[in-house]
Amino acid sequence: MGTIGSGRNSINNATRTTATTQTNATPAVAKQAPVATPKAANQVKDGFDARATNSAVRTAAPTGVFTAPAGSKDKVFDGKLVGAGGQTFDASTPLNQVPAYTPKNNPNAQGTVIYVNGIKTDKAGQEETLQVLADKTGMRAIGIHNATEGMVKDLAQCVGDKLGKGKNPAVDTLADTVYNELKAGREIHLMAHSQGGLITSRALGDVARRMRIEDGLSPAQIEQKLSKVQVETFGAAAATYPDGPQYVHYINNKDMVPGIVGLGTSGTGPLDLIRHAGKDAKIHYFSDKNIFTGAHNINDTYLNQRVPFDQARAGNF
């Protein structure tokens, strides 16, 4: 389960709110005649979904399409980007070349989120959530797949993520994606469920270290750069997050995952002293269902509690 690098996080109290239940890049194209390229219409600040008017741009094919051999296990998709229709792409594929899931009632939606799934979720399960996420948020959604190898191996990987040990392709893909988008001056919006929260925490820590070591940035400069990252977690298994990003954490008091290994529930406890939600984080607590009826489910429980990001950051759940 994802941990932040040593010597970085101080213990601060996150802003907590309690609620009851129910509350541009343009794709690369072949060089043409030396004429001015029309500016893409309907560009959004994250730069993933510029809508080009040039037909050659519209039809440019993604360069990193990944096709798994027949009968492959889910592990082959580990760390791959997941686009509309379950298409998969190599981790190095530019985000603007990955077709996003869009809301069924708005195929021209703007704003893109990158979603990382939790344990025991194969690619088909992530595809289902990506469509639900798009429908319920009104945004476009692209996945970074956290492959499953069964409960035992998934839990062992969580321990490695918690300790910052071992290789996790989803961590690497997310860290590279965030770093590259920030270097390009673009904002990026992340969503994560369960182990996906650990992966997000660990990846953001890797980005901060890379900025410090490779770019020579100070802690204050790193926080400023990371402020362009918007993060929403749902029942996450991470207990600490690096400062800088804008965080909104959703925690079901009936969900044991965040209660035991994550940020904890709305009550206080001794482990609160070693938990850190990130500077100025907003936490939305609610109570719904139970362990047997889907308390940890993202599609039917957590996403029903989600409100628009700016509203959540204002503490209005």
C-alpha atoms as a PDB file:
ATOM      1  CA  MET A   1       0.000   0.000   0.000  1.00  0.00           C
ATOM      2  CA  GLY A   2       1.450   3.329  -1.160  1.00  0.00           C
ATOM      3  CA  THR A   3       3.697   5.243   1.155  1.00  0.00           C
ATOM      4  CA  ILE A   4       5.388   8.551   0.854  1.00  0.00           C
ATOM      5  CA  GLY A   5       9.194   8.784   0.788  1.00  0.00           C
ATOM      6  CA  SER A   6      10.945   9.214   4.092  1.00  0.00           C
ATOM      7  CA  GLY A   7      11.560  12.645   5.544  1.00  0.00           C
ATOM      8  CA  ARG A   8       8.782  14.405   3.670  1.00  0.00           C
ATOM      9  CA  ASN A   9       5.490  14.361   5.533  1.00  0.00           C
ATOM     10  CA  SER A  10       4.804  16.237   8.735  1.00  0.00           C
ATOM     11  CA  ILE A  11       1.845  15.424  10.901  1.00  0.00           C
ATOM     12  CA  ASN A  12      -0.910  17.936  10.282  1.00  0.00           C
ATOM     13  CA  ASN A  13      -4.610  17.848  10.966  1.00  0.00           C
ATOM     14  CA  ALA A  14      -6.731  17.708   7.819  1.00  0.00           C
ATOM     15  CA  THR A  15      -9.950  19.679   7.600  1.00  0.00           C
ATOM     16  CA  ARG A  16     -12.720  17.232   8.365  1.00  0.00           C
ATOM     17  CA  THR A  17     -16.408  17.393   7.634  1.00  0.00           C
ATOM     18  CA  THR A  18     -18.971  14.894   8.812  1.00  0.00           C
ATOM     19  CA  ALA A  19     -22.053  13.967   6.829  1.00  0.00           C
ATOM     20  CA  THR A  20     -24.859  11.521   7.197  1.00  0.00           C
ATOM     21  CA  THR A  21     -25.840   8.977   4.613  1.00  0.00           C
ATOM     22  CA  GLN A  22     -27.263  10.444   1.423  1.00  0.00           C
ATOM     23  CA  THR A  23     -26.341  13.761   1.847  1.00  0.00           C
ATOM     24  CA  ASN A  24      -2.960  20.470 -25.354  1.00  0.00           C
ATOM     25  CA  ALA A  25      -1.738  19.065 -26.462  1.00  0.00           C
ATOM     26  CA  THR A  26      -3.055  18.253 -29.975  1.00  0.00           C
ATOM     27  CA  PRO A  27      -2.235  14.748 -31.247  1.00  0.00           C
ATOM     28  CA  ALA A  28       0.885  14.626 -33.417  1.00  0.00           C
ATOM     29  CA  VAL A  29       0.267  14.440 -37.177  1.00  0.00           C
ATOM     30  CA  ALA A  30       2.377  14.064 -40.254  1.00  0.00           C
ATOM     31  CA  LYS A  31       3.860  17.297 -41.609  1.00  0.00           C
ATOM     32  CA  GLN A  32       1.746  18.901 -44.292  1.00  0.00           C
ATOM     33  CA  ALA A  33       2.045  21.957 -46.495  1.00  0.00           C
ATOM     34  CA  PRO A  34       3.376  25.028 -44.672  1.00  0.00           C
ATOM     35  CA  VAL A  35       0.059  26.517 -43.706  1.00  0.00           C
ATOM     36  CA  ALA A  36      -1.098  27.635 -40.285  1.00  0.00           C
ATOM     37  CA  THR A  37      -2.714  24.896 -38.260  1.00  0.00           C
ATOM     38  CA  PRO A  38      -6.185  25.913 -37.045  1.00  0.00           C
ATOM     39  CA  LYS A  39      -6.410  26.306 -33.305  1.00  0.00           C
ATOM     40  CA  ALA A  40      -8.258  23.380 -31.736  1.00  0.00           C
ATOM     41  CA  ALA A  41     -11.729  24.278 -30.551  1.00  0.00           C
ATOM     42  CA  ASN A  42     -13.156  23.627 -27.109  1.00  0.00           C
ATOM     43  CA  GLN A  43      -9.772  23.123 -25.496  1.00  0.00           C
ATOM     44  CA  VAL A  44      -9.808  22.567 -21.785  1.00  0.00           C
ATOM     45  CA  LYS A  45      -7.120  23.405 -19.303  1.00  0.00           C
ATOM     46  CA  ASP A  46      -6.031  19.786 -18.782  1.00  0.00           C
ATOM     47  CA  GLY A  47      -5.129  19.625 -22.459  1.00  0.00           C
ATOM     48  CA  PHE A  48      -6.188  16.010 -23.015  1.00  0.00           C
ATOM     49  CA  ASP A  49      -9.286  16.505 -25.108  1.00  0.00           C
ATOM     50  CA  ALA A  50      -8.647  19.268 -27.620  1.00  0.00           C
ATOM     51  CA  ARG A  51     -11.223  18.970 -30.349  1.00  0.00           C
ATOM     52  CA  ALA A  52      -9.419  19.612 -33.620  1.00  0.00           C
ATOM     53  CA  THR A  53     -11.178  20.976 -36.667  1.00  0.00           C
ATOM     54  CA  ASN A  54      -8.486  19.662 -38.997  1.00  0.00           C
ATOM     55  CA  SER A  55      -9.629  16.310 -40.402  1.00  0.00           C
ATOM     56  CA  ALA A  56      -6.107  14.921 -40.474  1.00  0.00           C
ATOM     57  CA  VAL A  57      -5.786  15.620 -36.760  1.00  0.00           C
ATOM     58  CA  ARG A  58      -9.169  14.083 -35.989  1.00  0.00           C
ATOM     59  CA  THR A  59      -8.250  10.811 -37.685  1.00  0.00           C
ATOM     60  CA  ALA A  60      -4.685  10.489 -36.382  1.00  0.00           C
ATOM     61  CA  ALA A  61      -4.327   6.980 -34.984  1.00  0.00           C
ATOM     62  CA  PRO A  62      -2.855   6.377 -31.516  1.00  0.00           C
ATOM     63  CA  THR A  63       0.707   5.129 -31.737  1.00  0.00           C
ATOM     64  CA  GLY A  64       0.766   3.023 -28.575  1.00  0.00           C
ATOM     65  CA  VAL A  65      -2.135   0.608 -29.003  1.00  0.00           C
ATOM     66  CA  PHE A  66      -1.518  -2.541 -26.967  1.00  0.00           C
ATOM     67  CA  THR A  67      -3.053  -5.843 -27.980  1.00  0.00           C
ATOM     68  CA  ALA A  68      -2.680  -8.705 -25.529  1.00  0.00           C
ATOM     69  CA  PRO A  69      -2.163 -12.244 -26.800  1.00  0.00           C
ATOM     70  CA  ALA A  70      -5.268 -14.403 -26.696  1.00  0.00           C
ATOM     71  CA  GLY A  71      -5.848 -15.958 -23.292  1.00  0.00           C
ATOM     72  CA  SER A  72      -3.580 -13.509 -21.456  1.00  0.00           C
ATOM     73  CA  LYS A  73      -4.109 -13.036 -17.740  1.00  0.00           C
ATOM     74  CA  ASP A  74      -4.925  -9.655 -16.276  1.00  0.00           C
ATOM     75  CA  LYS A  75      -1.284  -9.101 -15.303  1.00  0.00           C
ATOM     76  CA  VAL A  76      -0.406  -8.315 -18.919  1.00  0.00           C
ATOM     77  CA  PHE A  77      -2.405  -5.078 -18.610  1.00  0.00           C
ATOM     78  CA  ASP A  78      -0.617  -3.931 -15.451  1.00  0.00           C
ATOM     79  CA  GLY A  79       0.213  -0.230 -15.724  1.00  0.00           C
ATOM     80  CA  LYS A  80      -1.402   0.128 -19.128  1.00  0.00           C
ATOM     81  CA  LEU A  81      -3.667   3.043 -20.027  1.00  0.00           C
ATOM     82  CA  VAL A  82      -7.289   2.028 -20.545  1.00  0.00           C
ATOM     83  CA  GLY A  83      -9.456   3.936 -22.989  1.00  0.00           C
ATOM     84  CA  ALA A  84     -12.984   3.794 -24.345  1.00  0.00           C
ATOM     85  CA  GLY A  85     -14.226   0.366 -25.318  1.00  0.00           C
ATOM     86  CA  GLY A  86     -11.556  -1.288 -23.192  1.00  0.00           C
ATOM     87  CA  GLN A  87      -8.766  -0.372 -25.595  1.00  0.00           C
ATOM     88  CA  THR A  88      -5.369  -0.516 -23.932  1.00  0.00           C
ATOM     89  CA  PHE A  89      -2.301   1.584 -24.626  1.00  0.00           C
ATOM     90  CA  ASP A  90       1.341   1.488 -23.634  1.00  0.00           C
ATOM     91  CA  ALA A  91       2.183   3.651 -20.648  1.00  0.00           C
ATOM     92  CA  SER A  92       4.202   6.065 -22.801  1.00  0.00           C
ATOM     93  CA  THR A  93       1.240   6.897 -25.047  1.00  0.00           C
ATOM     94  CA  PRO A  94       0.372  10.633 -24.935  1.00  0.00           C
ATOM     95  CA  LEU A  95      -2.893  11.082 -23.065  1.00  0.00           C
ATOM     96  CA  ASN A  96      -4.421  13.021 -25.939  1.00  0.00           C
ATOM     97  CA  GLN A  97      -4.113   9.879 -28.059  1.00  0.00           C
ATOM     98  CA  VAL A  98      -6.142   7.740 -25.652  1.00  0.00           C
ATOM     99  CA  PRO A  99      -9.892   7.828 -26.409  1.00  0.00           C
ATOM    100  CA  ALA A 100     -11.637   8.529 -23.129  1.00  0.00           C
ATOM    101  CA  TYR A 101     -14.864   7.124 -21.750  1.00  0.00           C
ATOM    102  CA  THR A 102     -17.504   9.835 -22.039  1.00  0.00           C
ATOM    103  CA  PRO A 103     -20.881  10.313 -20.344  1.00  0.00           C
ATOM    104  CA  LYS A 104     -23.616   8.516 -22.259  1.00  0.00           C
ATOM    105  CA  ASN A 105     -25.629  11.728 -22.398  1.00  0.00           C
ATOM    106  CA  ASN A 106     -22.721  13.977 -23.373  1.00  0.00           C
ATOM    107  CA  PRO A 107     -20.092  12.579 -25.760  1.00  0.00           C
ATOM    108  CA  ASN A 108     -18.516  16.049 -25.992  1.00  0.00           C
ATOM    109  CA  ALA A 109     -17.838  16.361 -22.266  1.00  0.00           C
ATOM    110  CA  GLN A 110     -14.823  18.395 -21.209  1.00  0.00           C
ATOM    111  CA  GLY A 111     -12.454  17.796 -18.346  1.00  0.00           C
ATOM    112  CA  THR A 112     -10.585  14.506 -18.001  1.00  0.00           C
ATOM    113  CA  VAL A 113      -9.899  12.350 -14.954  1.00  0.00           C
ATOM    114  CA  ILE A 114      -7.315   9.603 -14.641  1.00  0.00           C
ATOM    115  CA  TYR A 115      -8.675   6.728 -12.557  1.00  0.00           C
ATOM    116  CA  VAL A 116      -6.693   4.008 -10.718  1.00  0.00           C
ATOM    117  CA  ASN A 117      -8.618   0.954  -9.494  1.00  0.00           C
ATOM    118  CA  GLY A 118      -8.231  -1.121  -6.336  1.00  0.00           C
ATOM    119  CA  ILE A 119      -7.410  -4.771  -5.642  1.00  0.00           C
ATOM    120  CA  LYS A 120      -9.213  -7.769  -7.119  1.00  0.00           C
ATOM    121  CA  THR A 121     -10.367  -5.707 -10.091  1.00  0.00           C
ATOM    122  CA  ASP A 122      -9.598  -7.019 -13.550  1.00  0.00           C
ATOM    123  CA  LYS A 123      -9.608  -4.845 -16.644  1.00  0.00           C
ATOM    124  CA  ALA A 124     -13.264  -5.555 -17.340  1.00  0.00           C
ATOM    125  CA  GLY A 125     -14.126  -4.371 -13.837  1.00  0.00           C
ATOM    126  CA  GLN A 126     -12.166  -1.179 -14.329  1.00  0.00           C
ATOM    127  CA  GLU A 127     -13.891  -0.593 -17.671  1.00  0.00           C
ATOM    128  CA  GLU A 128     -17.271  -0.788 -15.937  1.00  0.00           C
ATOM    129  CA  THR A 129     -16.212   1.747 -13.324  1.00  0.00           C
ATOM    130  CA  LEU A 130     -14.763   4.094 -15.945  1.00  0.00           C
ATOM    131  CA  GLN A 131     -18.152   4.306 -17.653  1.00  0.00           C
ATOM    132  CA  VAL A 132     -19.996   4.742 -14.351  1.00  0.00           C
ATOM    133  CA  LEU A 133     -17.505   7.399 -13.336  1.00  0.00           C
ATOM    134  CA  ALA A 134     -17.993   9.289 -16.602  1.00  0.00           C
ATOM    135  CA  ASP A 135     -21.784   9.095 -16.301  1.00  0.00           C
ATOM    136  CA  LYS A 136     -21.888  10.235 -12.673  1.00  0.00           C
ATOM    137  CA  THR A 137     -19.276  12.998 -12.882  1.00  0.00           C
ATOM    138  CA  GLY A 138     -20.070  14.295 -16.371  1.00  0.00           C
ATOM    139  CA  MET A 139     -16.357  14.123 -17.194  1.00  0.00           C
ATOM    140  CA  ARG A 140     -14.180  12.117 -19.527  1.00  0.00           C
ATOM    141  CA  ALA A 141     -12.324   9.188 -17.936  1.00  0.00           C
ATOM    142  CA  ILE A 142      -9.122   7.305 -18.730  1.00  0.00           C
ATOM    143  CA  GLY A 143      -7.819   4.434 -16.621  1.00  0.00           C
ATOM    144  CA  ILE A 144      -4.411   3.366 -15.394  1.00  0.00           C
ATOM    145  CA  HIS A 145      -4.831  -0.317 -14.736  1.00  0.00           C
ATOM    146  CA  ASN A 146      -3.784  -1.850 -11.436  1.00  0.00           C
ATOM    147  CA  ALA A 147      -3.817  -5.517 -12.418  1.00  0.00           C
ATOM    148  CA  THR A 148      -5.006  -8.289 -10.131  1.00  0.00           C
ATOM    149  CA  GLU A 149      -3.302 -11.620  -9.485  1.00  0.00           C
ATOM    150  CA  GLY A 150      -5.711 -12.770  -6.789  1.00  0.00           C
ATOM    151  CA  MET A 151      -6.291 -11.694  -3.218  1.00  0.00           C
ATOM    152  CA  VAL A 152      -3.043 -12.998  -1.703  1.00  0.00           C
ATOM    153  CA  LYS A 153      -0.691 -11.463  -4.258  1.00  0.00           C
ATOM    154  CA  ASP A 154      -2.721  -8.246  -4.395  1.00  0.00           C
ATOM    155  CA  LEU A 155      -2.464  -7.838  -0.620  1.00  0.00           C
ATOM    156  CA  ALA A 156       1.271  -8.568  -0.726  1.00  0.00           C
ATOM    157  CA  GLN A 157       1.666  -5.825  -3.314  1.00  0.00           C
ATOM    158  CA  CYS A 158      -0.306  -3.476  -1.067  1.00  0.00           C
ATOM    159  CA  VAL A 159       2.219  -4.084   1.701  1.00  0.00           C
ATOM    160  CA  GLY A 160       5.012  -3.219  -0.719  1.00  0.00           C
ATOM    161  CA  ASP A 161       3.211  -0.046  -1.766  1.00  0.00           C
ATOM    162  CA  LYS A 162       2.702   0.874   1.884  1.00  0.00           C
ATOM    163  CA  LEU A 163       6.428   0.507   2.510  1.00  0.00           C
ATOM    164  CA  GLY A 164       7.465   2.050  -0.795  1.00  0.00           C
ATOM    165  CA  LYS A 165       9.138  -1.226  -1.784  1.00  0.00           C
ATOM    166  CA  GLY A 166       9.002  -3.338  -4.912  1.00  0.00           C
ATOM    167  CA  LYS A 167       7.991  -2.482  -8.447  1.00  0.00           C
ATOM    168  CA  ASN A 168       4.393  -1.621  -9.251  1.00  0.00           C
ATOM    169  CA  PRO A 169       3.798  -0.771 -12.941  1.00  0.00           C
ATOM    170  CA  ALA A 170       0.683   1.261 -12.087  1.00  0.00           C
ATOM    171  CA  VAL A 171       2.757   3.459  -9.757  1.00  0.00           C
ATOM    172  CA  ASP A 172       5.357   4.000 -12.468  1.00  0.00           C
ATOM    173  CA  THR A 173       2.772   4.884 -15.108  1.00  0.00           C
ATOM    174  CA  LEU A 174       0.934   7.295 -12.835  1.00  0.00           C
ATOM    175  CA  ALA A 175       4.134   8.974 -11.645  1.00  0.00           C
ATOM    176  CA  ASP A 176       5.385   9.461 -15.206  1.00  0.00           C
ATOM    177  CA  THR A 177       1.972  10.723 -16.325  1.00  0.00           C
ATOM    178  CA  VAL A 178       1.712  13.295 -13.539  1.00  0.00           C
ATOM    179  CA  TYR A 179       5.313  14.443 -13.935  1.00  0.00           C
ATOM    180  CA  ASN A 180       5.007  14.869 -17.699  1.00  0.00           C
ATOM    181  CA  GLU A 181       1.730  16.785 -17.466  1.00  0.00           C
ATOM    182  CA  LEU A 182       3.127  19.132 -14.833  1.00  0.00           C
ATOM    183  CA  LYS A 183       6.301  19.692 -16.866  1.00  0.00           C
ATOM    184  CA  ALA A 184       4.053  20.656 -19.784  1.00  0.00           C
ATOM    185  CA  GLY A 185       2.317  23.200 -17.550  1.00  0.00           C
ATOM    186  CA  ARG A 186      -0.989  21.355 -17.496  1.00  0.00           C
ATOM    187  CA  GLU A 187      -3.271  20.487 -14.618  1.00  0.00           C
ATOM    188  CA  ILE A 188      -4.213  16.872 -13.983  1.00  0.00           C
ATOM    189  CA  HIS A 189      -7.179  15.370 -12.146  1.00  0.00           C
ATOM    190  CA  LEU A 190      -6.818  11.970 -10.447  1.00  0.00           C
ATOM    191  CA  MET A 191      -9.337   9.613  -8.904  1.00  0.00           C
ATOM    192  CA  ALA A 192      -8.481   6.462  -6.991  1.00  0.00           C
ATOM    193  CA  HIS A 193     -10.248   3.679  -5.118  1.00  0.00           C
ATOM    194  CA  SER A 194      -8.883   1.378  -2.400  1.00  0.00           C
ATOM    195  CA  GLN A 195      -5.340   0.288  -3.364  1.00  0.00           C
ATOM    196  CA  GLY A 196      -5.552   2.918  -6.076  1.00  0.00           C
ATOM    197  CA  GLY A 197      -5.199   5.459  -3.262  1.00  0.00           C
ATOM    198  CA  LEU A 198      -1.961   3.791  -2.183  1.00  0.00           C
ATOM    199  CA  ILE A 199      -0.714   3.837  -5.757  1.00  0.00           C
ATOM    200  CA  THR A 200      -1.609   7.512  -6.032  1.00  0.00           C
ATOM    201  CA  SER A 201       0.107   8.390  -2.755  1.00  0.00           C
ATOM    202  CA  ARG A 202       3.258   6.505  -3.739  1.00  0.00           C
ATOM    203  CA  ALA A 203       3.298   7.962  -7.266  1.00  0.00           C
ATOM    204  CA  LEU A 204       2.912  11.532  -6.008  1.00  0.00           C
ATOM    205  CA  GLY A 205       5.785  10.923  -3.619  1.00  0.00           C
ATOM    206  CA  ASP A 206       7.878   9.711  -6.554  1.00  0.00           C
ATOM    207  CA  VAL A 207       6.990  12.851  -8.517  1.00  0.00           C
ATOM    208  CA  ALA A 208       8.048  15.055  -5.596  1.00  0.00           C
ATOM    209  CA  ARG A 209      11.380  13.232  -5.284  1.00  0.00           C
ATOM    210  CA  ARG A 210      11.976  13.487  -9.021  1.00  0.00           C
ATOM    211  CA  MET A 211      11.356  17.237  -8.911  1.00  0.00           C
ATOM    212  CA  ARG A 212      13.779  17.567  -6.025  1.00  0.00           C
ATOM    213  CA  ILE A 213      16.547  15.385  -7.467  1.00  0.00           C
ATOM    214  CA  GLU A 214      16.261  15.946 -11.227  1.00  0.00           C
ATOM    215  CA  ASP A 215      14.876  19.482 -11.320  1.00  0.00           C
ATOM    216  CA  GLY A 216      16.555  20.849  -8.201  1.00  0.00           C
ATOM    217  CA  LEU A 217      13.338  22.316  -6.808  1.00  0.00           C
ATOM    218  CA  SER A 218      12.920  23.356  -3.189  1.00  0.00           C
ATOM    219  CA  PRO A 219      10.130  21.903  -1.024  1.00  0.00           C
ATOM    220  CA  ALA A 220       8.101  25.090  -1.493  1.00  0.00           C
ATOM    221  CA  GLN A 221       8.560  24.973  -5.265  1.00  0.00           C
ATOM    222  CA  ILE A 222       7.550  21.316  -5.340  1.00  0.00           C
ATOM    223  CA  GLU A 223       4.359  22.047  -3.419  1.00  0.00           C
ATOM    224  CA  GLN A 224       3.575  24.854  -5.825  1.00  0.00           C
ATOM    225  CA  LYS A 225       4.047  22.556  -8.822  1.00  0.00           C
ATOM    226  CA  LEU A 226       1.945  19.827  -7.219  1.00  0.00           C
ATOM    227  CA  SER A 227      -0.871  22.293  -6.556  1.00  0.00           C
ATOM    228  CA  LYS A 228      -1.900  21.715 -10.173  1.00  0.00           C
ATOM    229  CA  VAL A 229      -2.856  18.141  -9.235  1.00  0.00           C
ATOM    230  CA  GLN A 230      -6.438  17.514  -8.140  1.00  0.00           C
ATOM    231  CA  VAL A 231      -6.947  14.260  -6.252  1.00  0.00           C
ATOM    232  CA  GLU A 232     -10.129  12.471  -5.210  1.00  0.00           C
ATOM    233  CA  THR A 233      -9.874   9.221  -3.258  1.00  0.00           C
ATOM    234  CA  PHE A 234     -12.673   6.816  -2.397  1.00  0.00           C
ATOM    235  CA  GLY A 235     -12.213   4.313   0.432  1.00  0.00           C
ATOM    236  CA  ALA A 236      -8.464   4.587  -0.052  1.00  0.00           C
ATOM    237  CA  ALA A 237      -5.994   2.367   1.754  1.00  0.00           C
ATOM    238  CA  ALA A 238      -3.327   5.068   2.074  1.00  0.00           C
ATOM    239  CA  ALA A 239      -2.803   6.771   5.423  1.00  0.00           C
ATOM    240  CA  THR A 240      -0.409   9.495   4.252  1.00  0.00           C
ATOM    241  CA  TYR A 241      -0.204  11.804   1.241  1.00  0.00           C
ATOM    242  CA  PRO A 242       2.439  14.358   0.220  1.00  0.00           C
ATOM    243  CA  ASP A 243       1.620  18.037   0.578  1.00  0.00           C
ATOM    244  CA  GLY A 244       0.910  20.153  -2.474  1.00  0.00           C
ATOM    245  CA  PRO A 245      -1.977  18.559  -4.400  1.00  0.00           C
ATOM    246  CA  GLN A 246      -5.577  19.586  -3.810  1.00  0.00           C
ATOM    247  CA  TYR A 247      -7.154  16.619  -2.020  1.00  0.00           C
ATOM    248  CA  VAL A 248     -10.700  15.459  -1.429  1.00  0.00           C
ATOM    249  CA  HIS A 249     -11.036  12.140   0.414  1.00  0.00           C
ATOM    250  CA  TYR A 250     -14.313  10.221   0.670  1.00  0.00           C
ATOM    251  CA  ILE A 251     -14.539   7.800   3.587  1.00  0.00           C
ATOM    252  CA  ASN A 252     -17.450   5.534   4.465  1.00  0.00           C
ATOM    253  CA  ASN A 253     -17.531   4.992   8.226  1.00  0.00           C
ATOM    254  CA  LYS A 254     -18.801   1.461   7.521  1.00  0.00           C
ATOM    255  CA  ASP A 255     -15.817   0.671   5.260  1.00  0.00           C
ATOM    256  CA  MET A 256     -13.013  -1.211   7.024  1.00  0.00           C
ATOM    257  CA  VAL A 257     -10.362  -0.428   4.401  1.00  0.00           C
ATOM    258  CA  PRO A 258      -9.919   3.285   5.146  1.00  0.00           C
ATOM    259  CA  GLY A 259     -10.945   2.656   8.746  1.00  0.00           C
ATOM    260  CA  ILE A 260      -8.105   0.238   9.458  1.00  0.00           C
ATOM    261  CA  VAL A 261      -5.299   0.985   6.976  1.00  0.00           C
ATOM    262  CA  GLY A 262      -6.319   4.358   5.524  1.00  0.00           C
ATOM    263  CA  LEU A 263      -7.069   7.771   6.964  1.00  0.00           C
ATOM    264  CA  GLY A 264      -9.481   6.366   9.540  1.00  0.00           C
ATOM    265  CA  THR A 265     -13.159   7.056  10.085  1.00  0.00           C
ATOM    266  CA  SER A 266     -14.856  10.119  11.579  1.00  0.00           C
ATOM    267  CA  GLY A 267     -14.039   9.046  15.128  1.00  0.00           C
ATOM    268  CA  THR A 268     -10.673   9.767  16.721  1.00  0.00           C
ATOM    269  CA  GLY A 269      -8.086   7.152  17.500  1.00  0.00           C
ATOM    270  CA  PRO A 270      -4.402   6.710  18.405  1.00  0.00           C
ATOM    271  CA  LEU A 271      -3.384   6.112  14.772  1.00  0.00           C
ATOM    272  CA  ASP A 272      -4.551   9.602  13.822  1.00  0.00           C
ATOM    273  CA  LEU A 273      -1.147  10.867  14.941  1.00  0.00           C
ATOM    274  CA  ILE A 274       0.600   9.040  12.101  1.00  0.00           C
ATOM    275  CA  ARG A 275      -2.014   9.771   9.441  1.00  0.00           C
ATOM    276  CA  HIS A 276      -1.678  12.695   7.065  1.00  0.00           C
ATOM    277  CA  ALA A 277      -4.342  13.487   4.470  1.00  0.00           C
ATOM    278  CA  GLY A 278      -2.233  16.166   2.806  1.00  0.00           C
ATOM    279  CA  LYS A 279      -2.131  19.862   3.592  1.00  0.00           C
ATOM    280  CA  ASP A 280      -5.571  21.503   3.458  1.00  0.00           C
ATOM    281  CA  ALA A 281      -7.250  18.235   2.462  1.00  0.00           C
ATOM    282  CA  LYS A 282     -11.014  17.942   2.684  1.00  0.00           C
ATOM    283  CA  ILE A 283     -12.422  14.698   4.076  1.00  0.00           C
ATOM    284  CA  HIS A 284     -16.052  13.745   3.601  1.00  0.00           C
ATOM    285  CA  TYR A 285     -17.266  11.119   6.052  1.00  0.00           C
ATOM    286  CA  PHE A 286     -20.569   9.354   5.575  1.00  0.00           C
ATOM    287  CA  SER A 287     -22.208   6.115   6.682  1.00  0.00           C
ATOM    288  CA  ASP A 288     -23.787   3.753   4.186  1.00  0.00           C
ATOM    289  CA  LYS A 289     -24.333  -0.013   3.864  1.00  0.00           C
ATOM    290  CA  ASN A 290     -21.965  -2.460   5.558  1.00  0.00           C
ATOM    291  CA  ILE A 291     -19.205  -4.920   4.771  1.00  0.00           C
ATOM    292  CA  PHE A 292     -21.709  -7.414   3.375  1.00  0.00           C
ATOM    293  CA  THR A 293     -23.772  -4.990   1.291  1.00  0.00           C
ATOM    294  CA  GLY A 294     -21.159  -2.942  -0.520  1.00  0.00           C
ATOM    295  CA  ALA A 295     -19.707  -0.420   1.923  1.00  0.00           C
ATOM    296  CA  HIS A 296     -16.439  -0.459  -0.054  1.00  0.00           C
ATOM    297  CA  ASN A 297     -18.019  -0.398  -3.520  1.00  0.00           C
ATOM    298  CA  ILE A 298     -17.055   2.597  -5.646  1.00  0.00           C
ATOM    299  CA  ASN A 299     -19.787   2.394  -8.295  1.00  0.00           C
ATOM    300  CA  ASP A 300     -22.867   2.164  -6.087  1.00  0.00           C
ATOM    301  CA  THR A 301     -21.651   3.638  -2.807  1.00  0.00           C
ATOM    302  CA  TYR A 302     -18.787   6.086  -3.083  1.00  0.00           C
ATOM    303  CA  LEU A 303     -19.647   7.749  -6.386  1.00  0.00           C
ATOM    304  CA  ASN A 304     -23.167   8.400  -5.081  1.00  0.00           C
ATOM    305  CA  GLN A 305     -21.588  10.635  -2.429  1.00  0.00           C
ATOM    306  CA  ARG A 306     -19.317  12.543  -4.777  1.00  0.00           C
ATOM    307  CA  VAL A 307     -19.959  16.225  -5.521  1.00  0.00           C
ATOM    308  CA  PRO A 308     -18.183  18.476  -8.063  1.00  0.00           C
ATOM    309  CA  PHE A 309     -14.555  19.017  -7.121  1.00  0.00           C
ATOM    310  CA  ASP A 310     -14.701  22.774  -6.498  1.00  0.00           C
ATOM    311  CA  GLN A 311     -17.785  22.297  -4.343  1.00  0.00           C
ATOM    312  CA  ALA A 312     -16.024  19.611  -2.329  1.00  0.00           C
ATOM    313  CA  ARG A 313     -12.930  21.777  -1.868  1.00  0.00           C
ATOM    314  CA  ALA A 314     -15.217  24.434  -0.442  1.00  0.00           C
ATOM    315  CA  GLY A 315     -16.455  21.867   2.086  1.00  0.00           C
ATOM    316  CA  ASN A 316     -19.980  21.693   0.648  1.00  0.00           C
ATOM    317  CA  PHE A 317     -20.867  18.031   0.438  1.00  0.00           C
END
